[in-house]
Protein backbone atom coordinates (compact mmCIF):
# COMPACT_ATOMS: atom_id res chain seq x y z
CA UNK A 1 -6.26 15.29 46.47
CA UNK A 2 -5.38 11.61 45.91
CA UNK A 3 -8.89 10.40 46.74
CA UNK A 4 -10.45 12.50 43.94
CA UNK A 5 -7.77 11.29 41.51
CA UNK A 6 -8.51 7.71 42.51
CA UNK A 7 -12.25 8.19 41.94
CA UNK A 8 -11.62 9.60 38.45
CA UNK A 9 -9.27 6.75 37.58
CA UNK A 10 -11.76 4.18 38.77
CA UNK A 11 -14.58 5.61 36.69
CA UNK A 12 -12.32 5.60 33.64
CA UNK A 13 -11.41 2.00 34.36
CA UNK A 14 -15.03 0.98 34.31
CA UNK A 15 -15.50 2.52 30.91
CA UNK A 16 -12.41 0.91 29.50
CA UNK A 17 -13.41 -2.48 30.78
CA UNK A 18 -16.78 -2.25 29.11
CA UNK A 19 -15.16 -1.40 25.83
CA UNK A 20 -12.94 -4.44 26.04
CA UNK A 21 -15.89 -6.71 26.51
CA UNK A 22 -17.64 -5.33 23.46
CA UNK A 23 -14.54 -5.87 21.39
CA UNK A 24 -14.31 -9.53 22.27
CA UNK A 25 -17.87 -10.22 21.15
CA UNK A 26 -17.37 -8.60 17.75
CA UNK A 27 -14.10 -10.35 17.07
CA UNK A 28 -15.53 -13.84 17.15
CA UNK A 29 -18.90 -13.23 15.50
CA UNK A 30 -20.48 -14.67 18.61
CA UNK A 31 -24.17 -13.78 18.90
CA UNK A 32 -24.84 -10.58 20.79
CA UNK A 33 -25.55 -11.04 24.45
CA UNK A 34 -24.90 -9.78 27.94
CA UNK A 35 -21.25 -9.37 28.91
CA UNK A 36 -19.95 -9.23 32.45
CA UNK A 37 -16.52 -7.88 33.19
CA UNK A 38 -14.20 -7.14 36.05
CA UNK A 39 -11.34 -4.65 36.24
CA UNK A 40 -8.77 -4.78 39.03
CA UNK A 41 -5.77 -2.67 39.93
CA UNK A 42 -3.59 -2.78 43.03
CA UNK A 43 -0.76 -0.53 41.89
CA UNK A 44 -1.17 3.03 43.23
CA UNK A 45 1.31 4.50 40.73
CA UNK A 46 0.18 2.82 37.50
CA UNK A 47 -2.82 3.74 35.38
CA UNK A 48 -2.82 0.32 33.68
CA UNK A 49 -5.25 -2.27 35.04
CA UNK A 50 -6.17 -5.84 34.12
CA UNK A 51 -9.63 -6.73 32.85
CA UNK A 52 -11.51 -9.95 32.27
CA UNK A 53 -14.71 -10.11 30.22
CA UNK A 54 -17.10 -13.07 30.39
CA UNK A 55 -20.31 -13.78 28.59
CA UNK A 56 -20.82 -14.59 24.91
CA UNK A 57 -17.03 -14.30 24.65
CA UNK A 58 -14.29 -14.60 27.24
CA UNK A 59 -11.31 -12.30 26.78
CA UNK A 60 -8.62 -10.61 28.82
CA UNK A 61 -6.80 -7.35 28.24
CA UNK A 62 -5.68 -4.10 29.82
CA UNK A 63 -7.18 -0.67 30.25
CA UNK A 64 -5.72 2.73 30.97
CA UNK A 65 -7.64 3.99 33.99
CA UNK A 66 -7.03 7.62 33.07
CA UNK A 67 -8.02 7.53 29.40
CA UNK A 68 -10.41 4.57 29.19
CA UNK A 69 -8.40 3.09 26.29
CA UNK A 70 -8.83 -0.70 26.17
CA UNK A 71 -6.26 -2.99 24.54
CA UNK A 72 -7.39 -6.47 23.53
CA UNK A 73 -5.96 -9.11 21.24
CA UNK A 74 -6.49 -7.79 17.70
CA UNK A 75 -7.71 -4.25 18.45
CA UNK A 76 -8.90 -1.57 20.83
CA UNK A 77 -12.12 0.07 22.02
CA UNK A 78 -13.21 3.54 23.11
CA UNK A 79 -15.68 4.07 25.94
CA UNK A 80 -17.58 6.96 27.39
CA UNK A 81 -19.28 6.96 30.75
CA UNK A 82 -21.55 8.99 32.94
CA UNK A 83 -21.21 8.75 36.72
CA UNK A 84 -24.63 8.91 38.35
CA UNK A 85 -23.60 8.40 41.96
CA UNK A 86 -20.40 8.57 43.97
CA UNK A 87 -19.04 8.98 47.44
CA UNK A 88 -15.66 9.19 49.07
CA UNK A 89 -14.48 9.22 52.64
CA UNK A 90 -11.55 8.66 54.90
CA UNK A 91 -11.21 7.18 58.37
CA UNK A 92 -8.96 9.61 60.27
CA UNK A 93 -7.93 6.91 62.76
CA UNK A 94 -6.91 4.19 60.27
CA UNK A 95 -6.19 6.39 57.20
CA UNK A 96 -8.34 4.10 55.05
CA UNK A 97 -9.84 6.03 52.13
CA UNK A 98 -12.92 4.59 50.43
CA UNK A 99 -14.33 5.57 47.04
CA UNK A 100 -17.51 4.15 45.55
CA UNK A 101 -19.34 5.16 42.40
CA UNK A 102 -21.76 3.88 39.80
CA UNK A 103 -23.13 4.98 36.47
CA UNK A 104 -23.67 4.08 32.86
CA UNK A 105 -21.34 3.48 29.94
CA UNK A 106 -21.47 3.45 26.16
CA UNK A 107 -19.17 1.69 23.71
CA UNK A 108 -18.83 3.95 20.68
CA UNK A 109 -15.77 2.99 18.62
CA UNK A 110 -13.34 0.17 18.06
CA UNK A 111 -10.35 -0.68 15.92
CA UNK A 112 -9.16 -3.88 14.30
CA UNK A 113 -11.38 -6.87 15.01
CA UNK A 114 -13.68 -4.66 17.12
CA UNK A 115 -14.73 -2.15 14.48
CA UNK A 116 -18.50 -1.67 14.60
CA UNK A 117 -18.99 -2.95 18.15
CA UNK A 118 -21.62 -1.05 20.13
CA UNK A 119 -22.89 -1.50 23.63
CA UNK A 120 -24.09 0.10 26.82
CA UNK A 121 -24.77 -0.83 30.42
CA UNK A 122 -24.11 -0.02 34.03
CA UNK A 123 -20.99 -0.13 36.18
CA UNK A 124 -20.07 0.03 39.83
CA UNK A 125 -16.71 0.82 41.35
CA UNK A 126 -15.20 0.35 44.80
CA UNK A 127 -11.70 1.43 45.77
CA UNK A 128 -9.74 1.43 48.99
CA UNK A 129 -6.41 3.07 49.77
CA UNK A 130 -4.31 3.31 52.90
CA UNK A 131 -1.94 6.23 53.44
CA UNK A 132 0.54 6.77 56.22
CA UNK A 133 0.11 9.19 59.10
CA UNK A 134 2.30 12.26 59.27
CA UNK A 135 2.25 14.25 62.51
CA UNK A 136 -0.86 12.34 63.61
CA UNK A 137 -2.86 13.05 60.43
CA UNK A 138 -3.49 11.08 57.27
CA UNK A 139 -1.16 12.25 54.49
CA UNK A 140 -3.66 12.66 51.63
CA UNK A 141 -1.21 14.33 49.24
CA UNK A 142 1.09 11.29 49.00
CA UNK A 143 0.84 8.07 47.01
CA UNK A 144 -0.97 5.40 49.06
CA UNK A 145 1.21 2.54 50.21
CA UNK A 146 -1.64 0.07 49.63
CA UNK A 147 -4.53 0.36 47.21
CA UNK A 148 -7.12 -1.80 45.51
CA UNK A 149 -9.74 -0.91 42.93
CA UNK A 150 -12.44 -3.17 41.56
CA UNK A 151 -14.88 -2.28 38.85
CA UNK A 152 -17.70 -4.47 37.61
CA UNK A 153 -19.98 -3.81 34.66
CA UNK A 154 -22.79 -5.52 32.80
CA UNK A 155 -24.56 -4.76 29.55
CA UNK A 156 -25.55 -5.90 26.06
CA UNK A 157 -23.12 -5.84 23.13
CA UNK A 158 -23.74 -5.94 19.39
CA UNK A 159 -21.56 -5.66 16.35
């Protein structure tokens, strides 16, 4: 079901975004601190999303929403996450699917300028998708024609 796939992708996005933030802090030898980041994706057929990290260091990059792999200038990060809460639903009249989830993340490995970066924190994810109606019912097994996902996360970074 597309909604379950979307929820999994969103959770992975959150993890990847957190990793990117940790990488940026390590690369500049900025003092450890609290990072805030945002991940957004509006393409229902691409697993690549844009992320922006802000805090002790400001950096932009991309994440793979399926694998959690974060690419930043000068290296990459690896994240793991644990979803603690989630819900999904669909309005049968409008065919608007909604996915929300939250949990924790951990930054465990980096490459290049981000080797040795460690961090943890919490994330929250909200996603919406609209699918077309087929024979009066929402077509959940097709790619949505409109979709948006937003993930936010906050936590300390060291390295």
